[in-house]
Amino acid sequence: MKVKVEQFESGWQGLILGLTSKEIDELIAALKQLKIDRGHFHFRSDFEGFPSIGDIEFYWQSSDASSDLVLEASNVINPR
């Protein structure tokens, strides 16, 4: 997995994640388990080399909690 921090001129930041097919399968499995367990999981680095992203946590959030990100999957065909 590769991660890069993107710096926008506005001061906002973004994350760019590169995943292999195996990592995508593992992420899908972790997300499915998260939905069942309502717990959390992490992506973690080895904290080596140039400072970047050390940890990204995913956690279950109730549907009535406020959100500040949305999934924008323009290459995904939405089932009808």
PDB file of N, CA and C in Angstrom:
ATOM      1  N   MET A   1       0.857  -1.166   0.000  1.00  0.00           N
ATOM      2  CA  MET A   1       0.000   0.000   0.000  1.00  0.00           C
ATOM      3  C   MET A   1       0.902   1.227   0.000  1.00  0.00           C
ATOM      4  N   LYS A   2       0.519   2.214  -0.740  1.00  0.00           N
ATOM      5  CA  LYS A   2       1.236   3.489  -0.777  1.00  0.00           C
ATOM      6  C   LYS A   2       0.297   4.594  -0.314  1.00  0.00           C
ATOM      7  N   VAL A   3       0.860   5.567   0.378  1.00  0.00           N
ATOM      8  CA  VAL A   3       0.076   6.711   0.824  1.00  0.00           C
ATOM      9  C   VAL A   3       0.849   7.985   0.511  1.00  0.00           C
ATOM     10  N   LYS A   4       0.108   9.006   0.152  1.00  0.00           N
ATOM     11  CA  LYS A   4       0.698  10.310  -0.128  1.00  0.00           C
ATOM     12  C   LYS A   4      -0.243  11.375   0.417  1.00  0.00           C
ATOM     13  N   VAL A   5       0.334  12.398   1.011  1.00  0.00           N
ATOM     14  CA  VAL A   5      -0.451  13.540   1.483  1.00  0.00           C
ATOM     15  C   VAL A   5      -0.459  14.576   0.369  1.00  0.00           C
ATOM     16  N   GLU A   6      -1.652  15.003  -0.001  1.00  0.00           N
ATOM     17  CA  GLU A   6      -1.812  16.008  -1.045  1.00  0.00           C
ATOM     18  C   GLU A   6      -2.108  17.348  -0.376  1.00  0.00           C
ATOM     19  N   GLN A   7      -1.345  18.381  -0.730  1.00  0.00           N
ATOM     20  CA  GLN A   7      -1.528  19.712  -0.167  1.00  0.00           C
ATOM     21  C   GLN A   7      -2.240  20.592  -1.195  1.00  0.00           C
ATOM     22  N   PHE A   8      -3.421  21.079  -0.842  1.00  0.00           N
ATOM     23  CA  PHE A   8      -4.158  21.965  -1.726  1.00  0.00           C
ATOM     24  C   PHE A   8      -3.770  23.412  -1.438  1.00  0.00           C
ATOM     25  N   GLU A   9      -3.870  24.270  -2.429  1.00  0.00           N
ATOM     26  CA  GLU A   9      -3.532  25.689  -2.252  1.00  0.00           C
ATOM     27  C   GLU A   9      -4.388  26.343  -1.179  1.00  0.00           C
ATOM     28  N   SER A  10      -5.580  25.826  -0.959  1.00  0.00           N
ATOM     29  CA  SER A  10      -6.495  26.393   0.030  1.00  0.00           C
ATOM     30  C   SER A  10      -6.061  26.103   1.460  1.00  0.00           C
ATOM     31  N   GLY A  11      -5.072  25.201   1.632  1.00  0.00           N
ATOM     32  CA  GLY A  11      -4.651  24.807   2.971  1.00  0.00           C
ATOM     33  C   GLY A  11      -5.213  23.451   3.387  1.00  0.00           C
ATOM     34  N   TRP A  12      -6.237  22.985   2.677  1.00  0.00           N
ATOM     35  CA  TRP A  12      -6.804  21.667   2.945  1.00  0.00           C
ATOM     36  C   TRP A  12      -5.816  20.599   2.512  1.00  0.00           C
ATOM     37  N   GLN A  13      -5.991  19.395   3.039  1.00  0.00           N
ATOM     38  CA  GLN A  13      -5.129  18.283   2.680  1.00  0.00           C
ATOM     39  C   GLN A  13      -5.970  17.105   2.215  1.00  0.00           C
ATOM     40  N   GLY A  14      -5.379  16.269   1.410  1.00  0.00           N
ATOM     41  CA  GLY A  14      -6.021  15.049   0.958  1.00  0.00           C
ATOM     42  C   GLY A  14      -5.072  13.881   1.136  1.00  0.00           C
ATOM     43  N   LEU A  15      -5.619  12.684   1.116  1.00  0.00           N
ATOM     44  CA  LEU A  15      -4.821  11.470   1.157  1.00  0.00           C
ATOM     45  C   LEU A  15      -5.004  10.730  -0.148  1.00  0.00           C
ATOM     46  N   ILE A  16      -3.913  10.250  -0.699  1.00  0.00           N
ATOM     47  CA  ILE A  16      -3.952   9.419  -1.887  1.00  0.00           C
ATOM     48  C   ILE A  16      -3.454   8.048  -1.466  1.00  0.00           C
ATOM     49  N   LEU A  17      -4.299   7.023  -1.625  1.00  0.00           N
ATOM     50  CA  LEU A  17      -3.946   5.658  -1.239  1.00  0.00           C
ATOM     51  C   LEU A  17      -3.866   4.792  -2.483  1.00  0.00           C
ATOM     52  N   GLY A  18      -2.787   4.034  -2.607  1.00  0.00           N
ATOM     53  CA  GLY A  18      -2.636   3.062  -3.679  1.00  0.00           C
ATOM     54  C   GLY A  18      -2.710   1.663  -3.092  1.00  0.00           C
ATOM     55  N   LEU A  19      -3.626   0.840  -3.594  1.00  0.00           N
ATOM     56  CA  LEU A  19      -3.824  -0.501  -3.048  1.00  0.00           C
ATOM     57  C   LEU A  19      -3.647  -1.560  -4.127  1.00  0.00           C
ATOM     58  N   THR A  20      -3.048  -2.688  -3.749  1.00  0.00           N
ATOM     59  CA  THR A  20      -2.960  -3.841  -4.642  1.00  0.00           C
ATOM     60  C   THR A  20      -4.298  -4.574  -4.616  1.00  0.00           C
ATOM     61  N   SER A  21      -4.481  -5.504  -5.532  1.00  0.00           N
ATOM     62  CA  SER A  21      -5.717  -6.293  -5.554  1.00  0.00           C
ATOM     63  C   SER A  21      -5.903  -7.045  -4.234  1.00  0.00           C
ATOM     64  N   LYS A  22      -4.816  -7.614  -3.696  1.00  0.00           N
ATOM     65  CA  LYS A  22      -4.901  -8.328  -2.421  1.00  0.00           C
ATOM     66  C   LYS A  22      -5.321  -7.384  -1.289  1.00  0.00           C
ATOM     67  N   GLU A  23      -4.767  -6.185  -1.271  1.00  0.00           N
ATOM     68  CA  GLU A  23      -5.115  -5.209  -0.231  1.00  0.00           C
ATOM     69  C   GLU A  23      -6.563  -4.752  -0.370  1.00  0.00           C
ATOM     70  N   ILE A  24      -7.051  -4.645  -1.587  1.00  0.00           N
ATOM     71  CA  ILE A  24      -8.463  -4.290  -1.795  1.00  0.00           C
ATOM     72  C   ILE A  24      -9.358  -5.374  -1.208  1.00  0.00           C
ATOM     73  N   ASP A  25      -9.023  -6.628  -1.458  1.00  0.00           N
ATOM     74  CA  ASP A  25      -9.798  -7.735  -0.883  1.00  0.00           C
ATOM     75  C   ASP A  25      -9.765  -7.699   0.643  1.00  0.00           C
ATOM     76  N   GLU A  26      -8.592  -7.411   1.216  1.00  0.00           N
ATOM     77  CA  GLU A  26      -8.470  -7.322   2.678  1.00  0.00           C
ATOM     78  C   GLU A  26      -9.273  -6.153   3.228  1.00  0.00           C
ATOM     79  N   LEU A  27      -9.267  -5.013   2.522  1.00  0.00           N
ATOM     80  CA  LEU A  27     -10.044  -3.850   2.951  1.00  0.00           C
ATOM     81  C   LEU A  27     -11.533  -4.150   2.898  1.00  0.00           C
ATOM     82  N   ILE A  28     -11.989  -4.793   1.840  1.00  0.00           N
ATOM     83  CA  ILE A  28     -13.406  -5.159   1.724  1.00  0.00           C
ATOM     84  C   ILE A  28     -13.805  -6.063   2.884  1.00  0.00           C
ATOM     85  N   ALA A  29     -12.964  -7.061   3.190  1.00  0.00           N
ATOM     86  CA  ALA A  29     -13.251  -7.967   4.305  1.00  0.00           C
ATOM     87  C   ALA A  29     -13.284  -7.208   5.632  1.00  0.00           C
ATOM     88  N   ALA A  30     -12.339  -6.282   5.821  1.00  0.00           N
ATOM     89  CA  ALA A  30     -12.303  -5.498   7.066  1.00  0.00           C
ATOM     90  C   ALA A  30     -13.526  -4.599   7.183  1.00  0.00           C
ATOM     91  N   LEU A  31     -13.967  -4.011   6.072  1.00  0.00           N
ATOM     92  CA  LEU A  31     -15.163  -3.164   6.092  1.00  0.00           C
ATOM     93  C   LEU A  31     -16.419  -3.978   6.381  1.00  0.00           C
ATOM     94  N   LYS A  32     -16.502  -5.174   5.802  1.00  0.00           N
ATOM     95  CA  LYS A  32     -17.651  -6.033   6.096  1.00  0.00           C
ATOM     96  C   LYS A  32     -17.682  -6.407   7.573  1.00  0.00           C
ATOM     97  N   GLN A  33     -16.508  -6.722   8.145  1.00  0.00           N
ATOM     98  CA  GLN A  33     -16.452  -7.061   9.566  1.00  0.00           C
ATOM     99  C   GLN A  33     -16.773  -5.851  10.433  1.00  0.00           C
ATOM    100  N   LEU A  34     -16.326  -4.664  10.013  1.00  0.00           N
ATOM    101  CA  LEU A  34     -16.631  -3.429  10.733  1.00  0.00           C
ATOM    102  C   LEU A  34     -18.134  -3.204  10.809  1.00  0.00           C
ATOM    103  N   LYS A  35     -18.824  -3.499   9.730  1.00  0.00           N
ATOM    104  CA  LYS A  35     -20.281  -3.345   9.687  1.00  0.00           C
ATOM    105  C   LYS A  35     -20.956  -4.277  10.689  1.00  0.00           C
ATOM    106  N   ILE A  36     -20.395  -5.481  10.854  1.00  0.00           N
ATOM    107  CA  ILE A  36     -20.955  -6.462  11.788  1.00  0.00           C
ATOM    108  C   ILE A  36     -20.603  -6.119  13.231  1.00  0.00           C
ATOM    109  N   ASP A  37     -19.303  -5.897  13.486  1.00  0.00           N
ATOM    110  CA  ASP A  37     -18.802  -5.695  14.858  1.00  0.00           C
ATOM    111  C   ASP A  37     -19.021  -4.293  15.402  1.00  0.00           C
ATOM    112  N   ARG A  38     -19.156  -3.326  14.498  1.00  0.00           N
ATOM    113  CA  ARG A  38     -19.277  -1.918  14.888  1.00  0.00           C
ATOM    114  C   ARG A  38     -18.093  -1.476  15.749  1.00  0.00           C
ATOM    115  N   GLY A  39     -16.928  -1.906  15.347  1.00  0.00           N
ATOM    116  CA  GLY A  39     -15.697  -1.583  16.062  1.00  0.00           C
ATOM    117  C   GLY A  39     -14.835  -0.630  15.263  1.00  0.00           C
ATOM    118  N   HIS A  40     -13.555  -0.989  15.093  1.00  0.00           N
ATOM    119  CA  HIS A  40     -12.630  -0.160  14.325  1.00  0.00           C
ATOM    120  C   HIS A  40     -11.459  -1.007  13.833  1.00  0.00           C
ATOM    121  N   PHE A  41     -10.725  -0.461  12.860  1.00  0.00           N
ATOM    122  CA  PHE A  41      -9.469  -1.054  12.407  1.00  0.00           C
ATOM    123  C   PHE A  41      -8.585   0.062  11.879  1.00  0.00           C
ATOM    124  N   HIS A  42      -7.312  -0.269  11.663  1.00  0.00           N
ATOM    125  CA  HIS A  42      -6.320   0.739  11.269  1.00  0.00           C
ATOM    126  C   HIS A  42      -5.552   0.318  10.032  1.00  0.00           C
ATOM    127  N   PHE A  43      -5.094   1.315   9.284  1.00  0.00           N
ATOM    128  CA  PHE A  43      -3.980   1.189   8.350  1.00  0.00           C
ATOM    129  C   PHE A  43      -2.815   1.820   9.099  1.00  0.00           C
ATOM    130  N   ARG A  44      -1.690   1.109   9.213  1.00  0.00           N
ATOM    131  CA  ARG A  44      -0.540   1.670   9.925  1.00  0.00           C
ATOM    132  C   ARG A  44       0.715   1.546   9.081  1.00  0.00           C
ATOM    133  N   SER A  45       1.575   2.537   9.213  1.00  0.00           N
ATOM    134  CA  SER A  45       2.868   2.483   8.536  1.00  0.00           C
ATOM    135  C   SER A  45       3.904   1.896   9.498  1.00  0.00           C
ATOM    136  N   ASP A  46       5.124   1.751   9.001  1.00  0.00           N
ATOM    137  CA  ASP A  46       6.220   1.319   9.868  1.00  0.00           C
ATOM    138  C   ASP A  46       6.933   2.518  10.488  1.00  0.00           C
ATOM    139  N   PHE A  47       6.431   3.728  10.231  1.00  0.00           N
ATOM    140  CA  PHE A  47       6.983   4.968  10.770  1.00  0.00           C
ATOM    141  C   PHE A  47       8.459   5.132  10.406  1.00  0.00           C
ATOM    142  N   GLU A  48       8.839   4.642   9.222  1.00  0.00           N
ATOM    143  CA  GLU A  48      10.213   4.765   8.732  1.00  0.00           C
ATOM    144  C   GLU A  48      10.245   5.756   7.584  1.00  0.00           C
ATOM    145  N   GLY A  49      11.422   6.359   7.353  1.00  0.00           N
ATOM    146  CA  GLY A  49      11.597   7.258   6.223  1.00  0.00           C
ATOM    147  C   GLY A  49      11.025   8.635   6.479  1.00  0.00           C
ATOM    148  N   PHE A  50      10.724   9.324   5.397  1.00  0.00           N
ATOM    149  CA  PHE A  50      10.214  10.692   5.466  1.00  0.00           C
ATOM    150  C   PHE A  50       8.878  10.731   6.191  1.00  0.00           C
ATOM    151  N   PRO A  51       8.667  11.659   7.107  1.00  0.00           N
ATOM    152  CA  PRO A  51       7.365  11.730   7.786  1.00  0.00           C
ATOM    153  C   PRO A  51       6.213  11.824   6.788  1.00  0.00           C
ATOM    154  N   SER A  52       5.233  11.004   7.026  1.00  0.00           N
ATOM    155  CA  SER A  52       4.050  10.947   6.168  1.00  0.00           C
ATOM    156  C   SER A  52       2.863  10.595   7.045  1.00  0.00           C
ATOM    157  N   ILE A  53       2.105   9.608   6.661  1.00  0.00           N
ATOM    158  CA  ILE A  53       0.946   9.161   7.420  1.00  0.00           C
ATOM    159  C   ILE A  53       1.354   7.942   8.241  1.00  0.00           C
ATOM    160  N   GLY A  54       1.162   8.001   9.534  1.00  0.00           N
ATOM    161  CA  GLY A  54       1.512   6.884  10.409  1.00  0.00           C
ATOM    162  C   GLY A  54       0.347   5.970  10.682  1.00  0.00           C
ATOM    163  N   ASP A  55      -0.874   6.512  10.673  1.00  0.00           N
ATOM    164  CA  ASP A  55      -2.033   5.722  11.056  1.00  0.00           C
ATOM    165  C   ASP A  55      -3.293   6.330  10.461  1.00  0.00           C
ATOM    166  N   ILE A  56      -4.151   5.470   9.949  1.00  0.00           N
ATOM    167  CA  ILE A  56      -5.496   5.864   9.524  1.00  0.00           C
ATOM    168  C   ILE A  56      -6.445   4.900  10.203  1.00  0.00           C
ATOM    169  N   GLU A  57      -7.380   5.426  10.973  1.00  0.00           N
ATOM    170  CA  GLU A  57      -8.358   4.588  11.682  1.00  0.00           C
ATOM    171  C   GLU A  57      -9.706   4.660  10.994  1.00  0.00           C
ATOM    172  N   PHE A  58     -10.329   3.504  10.832  1.00  0.00           N
ATOM    173  CA  PHE A  58     -11.699   3.403  10.349  1.00  0.00           C
ATOM    174  C   PHE A  58     -12.542   2.927  11.523  1.00  0.00           C
ATOM    175  N   TYR A  59     -13.666   3.571  11.771  1.00  0.00           N
ATOM    176  CA  TYR A  59     -14.547   3.127  12.853  1.00  0.00           C
ATOM    177  C   TYR A  59     -15.989   3.203  12.397  1.00  0.00           C
ATOM    178  N   TRP A  60     -16.827   2.383  13.047  1.00  0.00           N
ATOM    179  CA  TRP A  60     -18.244   2.373  12.738  1.00  0.00           C
ATOM    180  C   TRP A  60     -18.872   3.637  13.307  1.00  0.00           C
ATOM    181  N   GLN A  61     -19.721   4.278  12.515  1.00  0.00           N
ATOM    182  CA  GLN A  61     -20.421   5.488  12.931  1.00  0.00           C
ATOM    183  C   GLN A  61     -21.903   5.293  12.667  1.00  0.00           C
ATOM    184  N   SER A  62     -22.733   5.677  13.616  1.00  0.00           N
ATOM    185  CA  SER A  62     -24.174   5.527  13.426  1.00  0.00           C
ATOM    186  C   SER A  62     -24.655   6.445  12.306  1.00  0.00           C
ATOM    187  N   SER A  63     -25.733   6.051  11.659  1.00  0.00           N
ATOM    188  CA  SER A  63     -26.240   6.818  10.516  1.00  0.00           C
ATOM    189  C   SER A  63     -26.806   8.174  10.912  1.00  0.00           C
ATOM    190  N   ASP A  64     -27.094   8.401  12.190  1.00  0.00           N
ATOM    191  CA  ASP A  64     -27.617   9.705  12.604  1.00  0.00           C
ATOM    192  C   ASP A  64     -26.511  10.675  13.033  1.00  0.00           C
ATOM    193  N   ALA A  65     -25.249  10.233  13.026  1.00  0.00           N
ATOM    194  CA  ALA A  65     -24.130  11.125  13.353  1.00  0.00           C
ATOM    195  C   ALA A  65     -23.836  12.023  12.151  1.00  0.00           C
ATOM    196  N   SER A  66     -23.332  13.219  12.420  1.00  0.00           N
ATOM    197  CA  SER A  66     -23.018  14.135  11.324  1.00  0.00           C
ATOM    198  C   SER A  66     -21.813  13.616  10.537  1.00  0.00           C
ATOM    199  N   SER A  67     -21.761  13.975   9.265  1.00  0.00           N
ATOM    200  CA  SER A  67     -20.678  13.551   8.382  1.00  0.00           C
ATOM    201  C   SER A  67     -20.011  14.764   7.768  1.00  0.00           C
ATOM    202  N   ASP A  68     -18.708  14.631   7.477  1.00  0.00           N
ATOM    203  CA  ASP A  68     -18.011  15.713   6.789  1.00  0.00           C
ATOM    204  C   ASP A  68     -17.245  15.227   5.556  1.00  0.00           C
ATOM    205  N   LEU A  69     -17.465  13.967   5.167  1.00  0.00           N
ATOM    206  CA  LEU A  69     -16.938  13.424   3.912  1.00  0.00           C
ATOM    207  C   LEU A  69     -18.016  12.569   3.261  1.00  0.00           C
ATOM    208  N   VAL A  70     -17.975  12.482   1.956  1.00  0.00           N
ATOM    209  CA  VAL A  70     -18.875  11.589   1.227  1.00  0.00           C
ATOM    210  C   VAL A  70     -18.038  10.746   0.284  1.00  0.00           C
ATOM    211  N   LEU A  71     -18.528   9.571  -0.068  1.00  0.00           N
ATOM    212  CA  LEU A  71     -17.853   8.710  -1.024  1.00  0.00           C
ATOM    213  C   LEU A  71     -18.159   9.196  -2.425  1.00  0.00           C
ATOM    214  N   GLU A  72     -17.134   9.549  -3.150  1.00  0.00           N
ATOM    215  CA  GLU A  72     -17.288   9.997  -4.536  1.00  0.00           C
ATOM    216  C   GLU A  72     -16.601   8.961  -5.404  1.00  0.00           C
ATOM    217  N   ALA A  73     -17.353   8.039  -5.927  1.00  0.00           N
ATOM    218  CA  ALA A  73     -16.815   6.935  -6.713  1.00  0.00           C
ATOM    219  C   ALA A  73     -17.290   7.072  -8.143  1.00  0.00           C
ATOM    220  N   SER A  74     -16.672   7.949  -8.888  1.00  0.00           N
ATOM    221  CA  SER A  74     -17.132   8.254 -10.249  1.00  0.00           C
ATOM    222  C   SER A  74     -16.918   7.097 -11.212  1.00  0.00           C
ATOM    223  N   ASN A  75     -16.018   6.175 -10.911  1.00  0.00           N
ATOM    224  CA  ASN A  75     -15.758   5.053 -11.814  1.00  0.00           C
ATOM    225  C   ASN A  75     -16.571   3.827 -11.469  1.00  0.00           C
ATOM    226  N   VAL A  76     -17.427   3.922 -10.472  1.00  0.00           N
ATOM    227  CA  VAL A  76     -18.243   2.784 -10.037  1.00  0.00           C
ATOM    228  C   VAL A  76     -19.625   2.914 -10.652  1.00  0.00           C
ATOM    229  N   ILE A  77     -20.114   1.841 -11.226  1.00  0.00           N
ATOM    230  CA  ILE A  77     -21.459   1.844 -11.797  1.00  0.00           C
ATOM    231  C   ILE A  77     -22.441   1.587 -10.660  1.00  0.00           C
ATOM    232  N   ASN A  78     -23.372   2.499 -10.469  1.00  0.00           N
ATOM    233  CA  ASN A  78     -24.366   2.360  -9.398  1.00  0.00           C
ATOM    234  C   ASN A  78     -25.487   1.430  -9.842  1.00  0.00           C
ATOM    235  N   PRO A  79     -25.756   0.365  -9.057  1.00  0.00           N
ATOM    236  CA  PRO A  79     -26.875  -0.529  -9.417  1.00  0.00           C
ATOM    237  C   PRO A  79     -28.198   0.210  -9.273  1.00  0.00           C
ATOM    238  N   ARG A  80     -29.140  -0.158 -10.099  1.00  0.00           N
ATOM    239  CA  ARG A  80     -30.453   0.488 -10.030  1.00  0.00           C
ATOM    240  C   ARG A  80     -31.448  -0.373  -9.326  1.00  0.00           C
TER     241      ARG A  80
END
